[in-house]
PDB file of all heavy atoms in Angstrom:
ATOM      1  N   GLU A   1     163.664  89.749  26.170  1.00  0.00           N
ATOM      2  CA  GLU A   1     162.711  90.851  26.349  1.00  0.00           C
ATOM      3  C   GLU A   1     163.290  92.161  25.825  1.00  0.00           C
ATOM      4  O   GLU A   1     164.451  92.483  26.066  1.00  0.00           O
ATOM      5  CB  GLU A   1     162.391  90.993  27.841  1.00  0.00           C
ATOM      6  CG  GLU A   1     161.357  92.065  28.147  1.00  0.00           C
ATOM      7  CD  GLU A   1     161.090  92.171  29.643  1.00  0.00           C
ATOM      8  OE1 GLU A   1     160.230  91.412  30.136  1.00  0.00           O
ATOM      9  OE2 GLU A   1     161.758  92.990  30.314  1.00  0.00           O
ATOM     10  N   ILE A   2     162.469  92.900  25.093  1.00  0.00           N
ATOM     11  CA  ILE A   2     162.823  94.250  24.646  1.00  0.00           C
ATOM     12  C   ILE A   2     161.761  95.197  25.182  1.00  0.00           C
ATOM     13  O   ILE A   2     160.561  95.027  24.932  1.00  0.00           O
ATOM     14  CB  ILE A   2     162.888  94.350  23.108  1.00  0.00           C
ATOM     15  CG1 ILE A   2     163.898  93.349  22.556  1.00  0.00           C
ATOM     16  CG2 ILE A   2     163.266  95.773  22.693  1.00  0.00           C
ATOM     17  CD1 ILE A   2     163.914  93.258  21.044  1.00  0.00           C
ATOM     18  N   LYS A   3     162.216  96.183  25.935  1.00  0.00           N
ATOM     19  CA  LYS A   3     161.286  97.120  26.582  1.00  0.00           C
ATOM     20  C   LYS A   3     161.578  98.539  26.083  1.00  0.00           C
ATOM     21  O   LYS A   3     162.736  98.968  26.032  1.00  0.00           O
ATOM     22  CB  LYS A   3     161.465  97.047  28.099  1.00  0.00           C
ATOM     23  CG  LYS A   3     160.423  97.831  28.890  1.00  0.00           C
ATOM     24  CD  LYS A   3     160.702  97.782  30.388  1.00  0.00           C
ATOM     25  CE  LYS A   3     160.353  96.446  30.991  1.00  0.00           C
ATOM     26  NZ  LYS A   3     160.460  96.471  32.466  1.00  0.00           N
ATOM     27  N   TYR A   4     160.528  99.242  25.696  1.00  0.00           N
ATOM     28  CA  TYR A   4     160.644 100.660  25.349  1.00  0.00           C
ATOM     29  C   TYR A   4     159.863 101.449  26.393  1.00  0.00           C
ATOM     30  O   TYR A   4     158.652 101.292  26.517  1.00  0.00           O
ATOM     31  CB  TYR A   4     160.093 100.938  23.953  1.00  0.00           C
ATOM     32  CG  TYR A   4     160.154 102.407  23.580  1.00  0.00           C
ATOM     33  CD1 TYR A   4     161.384 103.000  23.289  1.00  0.00           C
ATOM     34  CD2 TYR A   4     159.019 103.203  23.560  1.00  0.00           C
ATOM     35  CE1 TYR A   4     161.458 104.345  22.979  1.00  0.00           C
ATOM     36  CE2 TYR A   4     159.093 104.540  23.248  1.00  0.00           C
ATOM     37  CZ  TYR A   4     160.316 105.113  22.963  1.00  0.00           C
ATOM     38  OH  TYR A   4     160.401 106.452  22.662  1.00  0.00           O
ATOM     39  N   LYS A   5     160.589 102.267  27.172  1.00  0.00           N
ATOM     40  CA  LYS A   5     160.002 102.940  28.328  1.00  0.00           C
ATOM     41  C   LYS A   5     159.381 101.860  29.220  1.00  0.00           C
ATOM     42  O   LYS A   5     160.083 101.013  29.731  1.00  0.00           O
ATOM     43  CB  LYS A   5     159.022 104.032  27.876  1.00  0.00           C
ATOM     44  CG  LYS A   5     159.761 105.152  27.120  1.00  0.00           C
ATOM     45  CD  LYS A   5     158.872 106.289  26.708  1.00  0.00           C
ATOM     46  CE  LYS A   5     159.667 107.379  26.024  1.00  0.00           C
ATOM     47  NZ  LYS A   5     158.848 108.476  25.500  1.00  0.00           N
ATOM     48  N   ASP A   6     158.079 101.823  29.365  1.00  0.00           N
ATOM     49  CA  ASP A   6     157.473 100.802  30.236  1.00  0.00           C
ATOM     50  C   ASP A   6     156.725  99.736  29.440  1.00  0.00           C
ATOM     51  O   ASP A   6     156.018  98.913  30.016  1.00  0.00           O
ATOM     52  CB  ASP A   6     156.509 101.458  31.233  1.00  0.00           C
ATOM     53  CG  ASP A   6     157.250 102.338  32.237  1.00  0.00           C
ATOM     54  OD1 ASP A   6     158.363 101.945  32.639  1.00  0.00           O
ATOM     55  OD2 ASP A   6     156.734 103.407  32.592  1.00  0.00           O
ATOM     56  N   GLU A   7     156.876  99.759  28.125  1.00  0.00           N
ATOM     57  CA  GLU A   7     156.148  98.818  27.279  1.00  0.00           C
ATOM     58  C   GLU A   7     157.064  97.694  26.810  1.00  0.00           C
ATOM     59  O   GLU A   7     158.167  97.944  26.327  1.00  0.00           O
ATOM     60  CB  GLU A   7     155.554  99.538  26.066  1.00  0.00           C
ATOM     61  CG  GLU A   7     154.591 100.660  26.427  1.00  0.00           C
ATOM     62  CD  GLU A   7     154.037 101.353  25.195  1.00  0.00           C
ATOM     63  OE1 GLU A   7     153.604 100.653  24.266  1.00  0.00           O
ATOM     64  OE2 GLU A   7     154.070 102.596  25.155  1.00  0.00           O
ATOM     65  N   ILE A   8     156.605  96.452  26.943  1.00  0.00           N
ATOM     66  CA  ILE A   8     157.387  95.307  26.462  1.00  0.00           C
ATOM     67  C   ILE A   8     157.017  95.059  25.006  1.00  0.00           C
ATOM     68  O   ILE A   8     156.023  94.394  24.693  1.00  0.00           O
ATOM     69  CB  ILE A   8     157.126  94.054  27.333  1.00  0.00           C
ATOM     70  CG1 ILE A   8     157.538  94.333  28.779  1.00  0.00           C
ATOM     71  CG2 ILE A   8     157.918  92.859  26.793  1.00  0.00           C
ATOM     72  CD1 ILE A   8     157.183  93.234  29.751  1.00  0.00           C
ATOM     73  N   ILE A   9     157.813  95.625  24.099  1.00  0.00           N
ATOM     74  CA  ILE A   9     157.456  95.576  22.678  1.00  0.00           C
ATOM     75  C   ILE A   9     157.753  94.210  22.062  1.00  0.00           C
ATOM     76  O   ILE A   9     157.229  93.877  21.002  1.00  0.00           O
ATOM     77  CB  ILE A   9     158.163  96.696  21.878  1.00  0.00           C
ATOM     78  CG1 ILE A   9     159.688  96.535  21.907  1.00  0.00           C
ATOM     79  CG2 ILE A   9     157.744  98.068  22.376  1.00  0.00           C
ATOM     80  CD1 ILE A   9     160.411  97.444  20.939  1.00  0.00           C
ATOM     81  N   SER A  10     158.596  93.410  22.716  1.00  0.00           N
ATOM     82  CA  SER A  10     158.922  92.086  22.177  1.00  0.00           C
ATOM     83  C   SER A  10     157.731  91.137  22.214  1.00  0.00           C
ATOM     84  O   SER A  10     157.734  90.098  21.551  1.00  0.00           O
ATOM     85  CB  SER A  10     160.105  91.472  22.925  1.00  0.00           C
ATOM     86  OG  SER A  10     159.932  91.569  24.324  1.00  0.00           O
ATOM     87  N   SER A  11     156.688  91.500  22.954  1.00  0.00           N
ATOM     88  CA  SER A  11     155.490  90.660  23.016  1.00  0.00           C
ATOM     89  C   SER A  11     154.387  91.179  22.086  1.00  0.00           C
ATOM     90  O   SER A  11     153.316  90.588  22.006  1.00  0.00           O
ATOM     91  CB  SER A  11     154.955  90.592  24.446  1.00  0.00           C
ATOM     92  OG  SER A  11     154.548  91.881  24.883  1.00  0.00           O
ATOM     93  N   TYR A  12     154.652  92.277  21.387  1.00  0.00           N
ATOM     94  CA  TYR A  12     153.646  92.871  20.498  1.00  0.00           C
ATOM     95  C   TYR A  12     153.386  91.986  19.283  1.00  0.00           C
ATOM     96  O   TYR A  12     154.301  91.361  18.738  1.00  0.00           O
ATOM     97  CB  TYR A  12     154.119  94.233  19.985  1.00  0.00           C
ATOM     98  CG  TYR A  12     153.967  95.389  20.939  1.00  0.00           C
ATOM     99  CD1 TYR A  12     153.481  95.229  22.228  1.00  0.00           C
ATOM    100  CD2 TYR A  12     154.315  96.675  20.529  1.00  0.00           C
ATOM    101  CE1 TYR A  12     153.360  96.310  23.087  1.00  0.00           C
ATOM    102  CE2 TYR A  12     154.195  97.769  21.376  1.00  0.00           C
ATOM    103  CZ  TYR A  12     153.712  97.570  22.659  1.00  0.00           C
ATOM    104  OH  TYR A  12     153.597  98.638  23.493  1.00  0.00           O
ATOM    105  N   LYS A  13     152.135  92.007  18.814  1.00  0.00           N
ATOM    106  CA  LYS A  13     151.791  91.422  17.523  1.00  0.00           C
ATOM    107  C   LYS A  13     152.096  92.447  16.433  1.00  0.00           C
ATOM    108  O   LYS A  13     152.404  93.610  16.716  1.00  0.00           O
ATOM    109  CB  LYS A  13     150.309  91.034  17.483  1.00  0.00           C
ATOM    110  CG  LYS A  13     149.904  90.041  18.568  1.00  0.00           C
ATOM    111  CD  LYS A  13     150.638  88.717  18.436  1.00  0.00           C
ATOM    112  CE  LYS A  13     150.159  87.713  19.482  1.00  0.00           C
ATOM    113  NZ  LYS A  13     150.996  86.507  19.525  1.00  0.00           N
ATOM    114  N   GLU A  14     151.978  92.022  15.162  1.00  0.00           N
ATOM    115  CA  GLU A  14     152.403  92.861  14.036  1.00  0.00           C
ATOM    116  C   GLU A  14     151.696  94.220  13.999  1.00  0.00           C
ATOM    117  O   GLU A  14     152.322  95.254  13.761  1.00  0.00           O
ATOM    118  CB  GLU A  14     152.179  92.117  12.712  1.00  0.00           C
ATOM    119  CG  GLU A  14     152.719  92.847  11.495  1.00  0.00           C
ATOM    120  CD  GLU A  14     154.184  93.238  11.618  1.00  0.00           C
ATOM    121  OE1 GLU A  14     155.007  92.397  12.056  1.00  0.00           O
ATOM    122  OE2 GLU A  14     154.513  94.398  11.293  1.00  0.00           O
ATOM    123  N   GLU A  15     150.401  94.240  14.254  1.00  0.00           N
ATOM    124  CA  GLU A  15     149.658  95.507  14.195  1.00  0.00           C
ATOM    125  C   GLU A  15     150.157  96.489  15.247  1.00  0.00           C
ATOM    126  O   GLU A  15     150.334  97.682  14.975  1.00  0.00           O
ATOM    127  CB  GLU A  15     148.166  95.241  14.391  1.00  0.00           C
ATOM    128  CG  GLU A  15     147.311  96.485  14.189  1.00  0.00           C
ATOM    129  CD  GLU A  15     145.818  96.222  14.357  1.00  0.00           C
ATOM    130  OE1 GLU A  15     145.426  95.039  14.413  1.00  0.00           O
ATOM    131  OE2 GLU A  15     145.055  97.200  14.444  1.00  0.00           O
ATOM    132  N   ALA A  16     150.420  95.990  16.443  1.00  0.00           N
ATOM    133  CA  ALA A  16     150.924  96.853  17.523  1.00  0.00           C
ATOM    134  C   ALA A  16     152.339  97.335  17.210  1.00  0.00           C
ATOM    135  O   ALA A  16     152.688  98.486  17.507  1.00  0.00           O
ATOM    136  CB  ALA A  16     150.906  96.099  18.850  1.00  0.00           C
ATOM    137  N   LEU A  17     153.152  96.468  16.601  1.00  0.00           N
ATOM    138  CA  LEU A  17     154.514  96.861  16.218  1.00  0.00           C
ATOM    139  C   LEU A  17     154.480  97.960  15.161  1.00  0.00           C
ATOM    140  O   LEU A  17     155.283  98.896  15.196  1.00  0.00           O
ATOM    141  CB  LEU A  17     155.291  95.653  15.682  1.00  0.00           C
ATOM    142  CG  LEU A  17     155.891  94.706  16.723  1.00  0.00           C
ATOM    143  CD1 LEU A  17     156.486  93.486  16.036  1.00  0.00           C
ATOM    144  CD2 LEU A  17     156.947  95.407  17.564  1.00  0.00           C
ATOM    145  N   THR A  18     153.561  97.842  14.219  1.00  0.00           N
ATOM    146  CA  THR A  18     153.433  98.866  13.171  1.00  0.00           C
ATOM    147  C   THR A  18     153.089 100.217  13.777  1.00  0.00           C
ATOM    148  O   THR A  18     153.674 101.249  13.423  1.00  0.00           O
ATOM    149  CB  THR A  18     152.352  98.453  12.148  1.00  0.00           C
ATOM    150  OG1 THR A  18     152.732  97.205  11.557  1.00  0.00           O
ATOM    151  CG2 THR A  18     152.209  99.496  11.043  1.00  0.00           C
ATOM    152  N   LYS A  19     152.157 100.224  14.719  1.00  0.00           N
ATOM    153  CA  LYS A  19     151.776 101.474  15.396  1.00  0.00           C
ATOM    154  C   LYS A  19     152.948 102.040  16.197  1.00  0.00           C
ATOM    155  O   LYS A  19     153.171 103.255  16.217  1.00  0.00           O
ATOM    156  CB  LYS A  19     150.579 101.230  16.321  1.00  0.00           C
ATOM    157  CG  LYS A  19     149.278 101.013  15.584  1.00  0.00           C
ATOM    158  CD  LYS A  19     148.127 100.746  16.551  1.00  0.00           C
ATOM    159  CE  LYS A  19     146.819 100.540  15.809  1.00  0.00           C
ATOM    160  NZ  LYS A  19     145.714 100.184  16.726  1.00  0.00           N
ATOM    161  N   PHE A  20     153.697 101.148  16.845  1.00  0.00           N
ATOM    162  CA  PHE A  20     154.860 101.557  17.631  1.00  0.00           C
ATOM    163  C   PHE A  20     155.904 102.239  16.739  1.00  0.00           C
ATOM    164  O   PHE A  20     156.410 103.317  17.053  1.00  0.00           O
ATOM    165  CB  PHE A  20     155.465 100.331  18.321  1.00  0.00           C
ATOM    166  CG  PHE A  20     156.853 100.532  18.868  1.00  0.00           C
ATOM    167  CD1 PHE A  20     157.072 101.312  19.987  1.00  0.00           C
ATOM    168  CD2 PHE A  20     157.944  99.926  18.247  1.00  0.00           C
ATOM    169  CE1 PHE A  20     158.346 101.496  20.490  1.00  0.00           C
ATOM    170  CE2 PHE A  20     159.218 100.110  18.741  1.00  0.00           C
ATOM    171  CZ  PHE A  20     159.424 100.891  19.862  1.00  0.00           C
ATOM    172  N   ARG A  21     156.220 101.590  15.595  1.00  0.00           N
ATOM    173  CA  ARG A  21     157.208 102.173  14.678  1.00  0.00           C
ATOM    174  C   ARG A  21     156.741 103.523  14.144  1.00  0.00           C
ATOM    175  O   ARG A  21     157.511 104.477  14.062  1.00  0.00           O
ATOM    176  CB  ARG A  21     157.467 101.203  13.501  1.00  0.00           C
ATOM    177  CG  ARG A  21     158.186  99.934  13.887  1.00  0.00           C
ATOM    178  CD  ARG A  21     158.668  99.187  12.652  1.00  0.00           C
ATOM    179  NE  ARG A  21     157.581  98.802  11.774  1.00  0.00           N
ATOM    180  CZ  ARG A  21     156.966  97.627  11.797  1.00  0.00           C
ATOM    181  NH1 ARG A  21     157.320  96.723  12.695  1.00  0.00           N
ATOM    182  NH2 ARG A  21     156.000  97.346  10.940  1.00  0.00           N
ATOM    183  N   ARG A  22     155.470 103.591  13.787  1.00  0.00           N
ATOM    184  CA  ARG A  22     154.924 104.828  13.216  1.00  0.00           C
ATOM    185  C   ARG A  22     154.976 105.968  14.232  1.00  0.00           C
ATOM    186  O   ARG A  22     155.269 107.105  13.891  1.00  0.00           O
ATOM    187  CB  ARG A  22     153.481 104.586  12.760  1.00  0.00           C
ATOM    188  CG  ARG A  22     152.841 105.785  12.062  1.00  0.00           C
ATOM    189  CD  ARG A  22     151.422 105.461  11.638  1.00  0.00           C
ATOM    190  NE  ARG A  22     151.402 104.389  10.653  1.00  0.00           N
ATOM    191  CZ  ARG A  22     150.396 103.539  10.498  1.00  0.00           C
ATOM    192  NH1 ARG A  22     149.335 103.620  11.283  1.00  0.00           N
ATOM    193  NH2 ARG A  22     150.435 102.619   9.564  1.00  0.00           N
ATOM    194  N   LYS A  23     154.711 105.645  15.476  1.00  0.00           N
ATOM    195  CA  LYS A  23     154.604 106.681  16.511  1.00  0.00           C
ATOM    196  C   LYS A  23     155.958 107.181  16.995  1.00  0.00           C
ATOM    197  O   LYS A  23     156.142 108.382  17.232  1.00  0.00           O
ATOM    198  CB  LYS A  23     153.815 106.109  17.689  1.00  0.00           C
ATOM    199  CG  LYS A  23     153.463 107.128  18.766  1.00  0.00           C
ATOM    200  CD  LYS A  23     152.558 106.507  19.824  1.00  0.00           C
ATOM    201  CE  LYS A  23     152.168 107.526  20.889  1.00  0.00           C
ATOM    202  NZ  LYS A  23     151.313 106.934  21.939  1.00  0.00           N
ATOM    203  N   TYR A  24     156.930 106.263  17.134  1.00  0.00           N
ATOM    204  CA  TYR A  24     158.163 106.623  17.839  1.00  0.00           C
ATOM    205  C   TYR A  24     159.444 106.616  17.002  1.00  0.00           C
ATOM    206  O   TYR A  24     160.427 107.246  17.393  1.00  0.00           O
ATOM    207  CB  TYR A  24     158.384 105.658  19.014  1.00  0.00           C
ATOM    208  CG  TYR A  24     157.331 105.725  20.083  1.00  0.00           C
ATOM    209  CD1 TYR A  24     156.467 104.654  20.306  1.00  0.00           C
ATOM    210  CD2 TYR A  24     157.185 106.861  20.883  1.00  0.00           C
ATOM    211  CE1 TYR A  24     155.502 104.707  21.291  1.00  0.00           C
ATOM    212  CE2 TYR A  24     156.222 106.923  21.878  1.00  0.00           C
ATOM    213  CZ  TYR A  24     155.375 105.846  22.075  1.00  0.00           C
ATOM    214  OH  TYR A  24     154.419 105.903  23.060  1.00  0.00           O
ATOM    215  N   LEU A  25     159.466 105.884  15.887  1.00  0.00           N
ATOM    216  CA  LEU A  25     160.740 105.597  15.231  1.00  0.00           C
ATOM    217  C   LEU A  25     160.859 106.205  13.836  1.00  0.00           C
ATOM    218  O   LEU A  25     159.867 106.425  13.149  1.00  0.00           O
ATOM    219  CB  LEU A  25     160.939 104.075  15.108  1.00  0.00           C
ATOM    220  CG  LEU A  25     160.724 103.229  16.368  1.00  0.00           C
ATOM    221  CD1 LEU A  25     161.022 101.775  16.065  1.00  0.00           C
ATOM    222  CD2 LEU A  25     161.569 103.742  17.523  1.00  0.00           C
ATOM    223  N   GLY A  26     162.123 106.451  13.441  1.00  0.00           N
ATOM    224  CA  GLY A  26     162.444 106.826  12.078  1.00  0.00           C
ATOM    225  C   GLY A  26     163.538 105.901  11.561  1.00  0.00           C
ATOM    226  O   GLY A  26     164.318 105.350  12.342  1.00  0.00           O
ATOM    227  N   PHE A  27     163.595 105.738  10.239  1.00  0.00           N
ATOM    228  CA  PHE A  27     164.562 104.816   9.635  1.00  0.00           C
ATOM    229  C   PHE A  27     165.279 105.480   8.465  1.00  0.00           C
ATOM    230  O   PHE A  27     164.669 106.166   7.651  1.00  0.00           O
ATOM    231  CB  PHE A  27     163.860 103.553   9.116  1.00  0.00           C
ATOM    232  CG  PHE A  27     163.238 102.714  10.192  1.00  0.00           C
ATOM    233  CD1 PHE A  27     161.936 102.937  10.610  1.00  0.00           C
ATOM    234  CD2 PHE A  27     163.962 101.697  10.798  1.00  0.00           C
ATOM    235  CE1 PHE A  27     161.357 102.169  11.606  1.00  0.00           C
ATOM    236  CE2 PHE A  27     163.396 100.925  11.801  1.00  0.00           C
ATOM    237  CZ  PHE A  27     162.092 101.162  12.206  1.00  0.00           C
ATOM    238  N   ILE A  28     166.600 105.237   8.417  1.00  0.00           N
ATOM    239  CA  ILE A  28     167.406 105.663   7.272  1.00  0.00           C
ATOM    240  C   ILE A  28     168.211 104.452   6.822  1.00  0.00           C
ATOM    241  O   ILE A  28     168.915 103.832   7.628  1.00  0.00           O
ATOM    242  CB  ILE A  28     168.359 106.823   7.629  1.00  0.00           C
ATOM    243  CG1 ILE A  28     167.549 108.051   8.054  1.00  0.00           C
ATOM    244  CG2 ILE A  28     169.251 107.179   6.457  1.00  0.00           C
ATOM    245  CD1 ILE A  28     168.368 109.102   8.757  1.00  0.00           C
ATOM    246  N   PHE A  29     168.097 104.116   5.536  1.00  0.00           N
ATOM    247  CA  PHE A  29     168.780 102.943   5.005  1.00  0.00           C
ATOM    248  C   PHE A  29     169.809 103.358   3.964  1.00  0.00           C
ATOM    249  O   PHE A  29     169.849 104.496   3.518  1.00  0.00           O
ATOM    250  CB  PHE A  29     167.768 101.971   4.380  1.00  0.00           C
ATOM    251  CG  PHE A  29     166.746 101.453   5.348  1.00  0.00           C
ATOM    252  CD1 PHE A  29     165.453 101.976   5.368  1.00  0.00           C
ATOM    253  CD2 PHE A  29     167.059 100.455   6.259  1.00  0.00           C
ATOM    254  CE1 PHE A  29     164.503 101.507   6.261  1.00  0.00           C
ATOM    255  CE2 PHE A  29     166.117  99.982   7.163  1.00  0.00           C
ATOM    256  CZ  PHE A  29     164.843 100.509   7.158  1.00  0.00           C
ATOM    257  N   GLN A  30     170.643 102.397   3.577  1.00  0.00           N
ATOM    258  CA  GLN A  30     171.637 102.652   2.535  1.00  0.00           C
ATOM    259  C   GLN A  30     170.931 102.966   1.209  1.00  0.00           C
ATOM    260  O   GLN A  30     171.374 103.802   0.435  1.00  0.00           O
ATOM    261  CB  GLN A  30     172.544 101.425   2.379  1.00  0.00           C
ATOM    262  CG  GLN A  30     173.766 101.678   1.508  1.00  0.00           C
ATOM    263  CD  GLN A  30     174.741 100.514   1.575  1.00  0.00           C
ATOM    264  OE1 GLN A  30     174.786  99.776   2.548  1.00  0.00           O
ATOM    265  NE2 GLN A  30     175.529 100.344   0.534  1.00  0.00           N
ATOM    266  N   GLN A  31     169.815 102.259   0.952  1.00  0.00           N
ATOM    267  CA  GLN A  31     168.975 102.587  -0.201  1.00  0.00           C
ATOM    268  C   GLN A  31     168.032 103.699   0.232  1.00  0.00           C
ATOM    269  O   GLN A  31     167.479 103.662   1.331  1.00  0.00           O
ATOM    270  CB  GLN A  31     168.152 101.365  -0.658  1.00  0.00           C
ATOM    271  CG  GLN A  31     168.973 100.211  -1.212  1.00  0.00           C
ATOM    272  CD  GLN A  31     169.640  99.385  -0.114  1.00  0.00           C
ATOM    273  OE1 GLN A  31     169.139  99.328   0.997  1.00  0.00           O
ATOM    274  NE2 GLN A  31     170.763  98.775  -0.429  1.00  0.00           N
ATOM    275  N   TYR A  32     167.811 104.658  -0.643  1.00  0.00           N
ATOM    276  CA  TYR A  32     167.108 105.871  -0.225  1.00  0.00           C
ATOM    277  C   TYR A  32     165.592 105.672  -0.150  1.00  0.00           C
ATOM    278  O   TYR A  32     164.909 106.357   0.594  1.00  0.00           O
ATOM    279  CB  TYR A  32     167.447 107.029  -1.173  1.00  0.00           C
ATOM    280  CG  TYR A  32     168.926 107.121  -1.463  1.00  0.00           C
ATOM    281  CD1 TYR A  32     169.405 107.088  -2.773  1.00  0.00           C
ATOM    282  CD2 TYR A  32     169.852 107.185  -0.424  1.00  0.00           C
ATOM    283  CE1 TYR A  32     170.767 107.143  -3.038  1.00  0.00           C
ATOM    284  CE2 TYR A  32     171.216 107.236  -0.677  1.00  0.00           C
ATOM    285  CZ  TYR A  32     171.666 107.214  -1.992  1.00  0.00           C
ATOM    286  OH  TYR A  32     173.004 107.256  -2.251  1.00  0.00           O
ATOM    287  N   ASN A  33     165.051 104.736  -0.961  1.00  0.00           N
ATOM    288  CA  ASN A  33     163.623 104.393  -0.901  1.00  0.00           C
ATOM    289  C   ASN A  33     162.711 105.609  -1.060  1.00  0.00           C
ATOM    290  O   ASN A  33     161.687 105.723  -0.380  1.00  0.00           O
ATOM    291  CB  ASN A  33     163.287 103.676   0.421  1.00  0.00           C
ATOM    292  CG  ASN A  33     164.044 102.369   0.580  1.00  0.00           C
ATOM    293  OD1 ASN A  33     164.240 101.644  -0.385  1.00  0.00           O
ATOM    294  ND2 ASN A  33     164.477 102.066   1.791  1.00  0.00           N
ATOM    295  N   LEU A  34     163.086 106.513  -1.956  1.00  0.00           N
ATOM    296  CA  LEU A  34     162.256 107.682  -2.213  1.00  0.00           C
ATOM    297  C   LEU A  34     161.193 107.350  -3.255  1.00  0.00           C
ATOM    298  O   LEU A  34     161.369 106.446  -4.077  1.00  0.00           O
ATOM    299  CB  LEU A  34     163.116 108.853  -2.703  1.00  0.00           C
ATOM    300  CG  LEU A  34     164.228 109.305  -1.756  1.00  0.00           C
ATOM    301  CD1 LEU A  34     165.058 110.403  -2.403  1.00  0.00           C
ATOM    302  CD2 LEU A  34     163.660 109.775  -0.422  1.00  0.00           C
TER     303      LEU A  34
END
């Protein structure tokens, strides 16, 4: 189980995961992807 605040994100489907990433997360990779 993976929980963010009170939400169990490990049970999310792809669409819900996409919304979760867009709303809360940022990403920086070794490749700049500009």
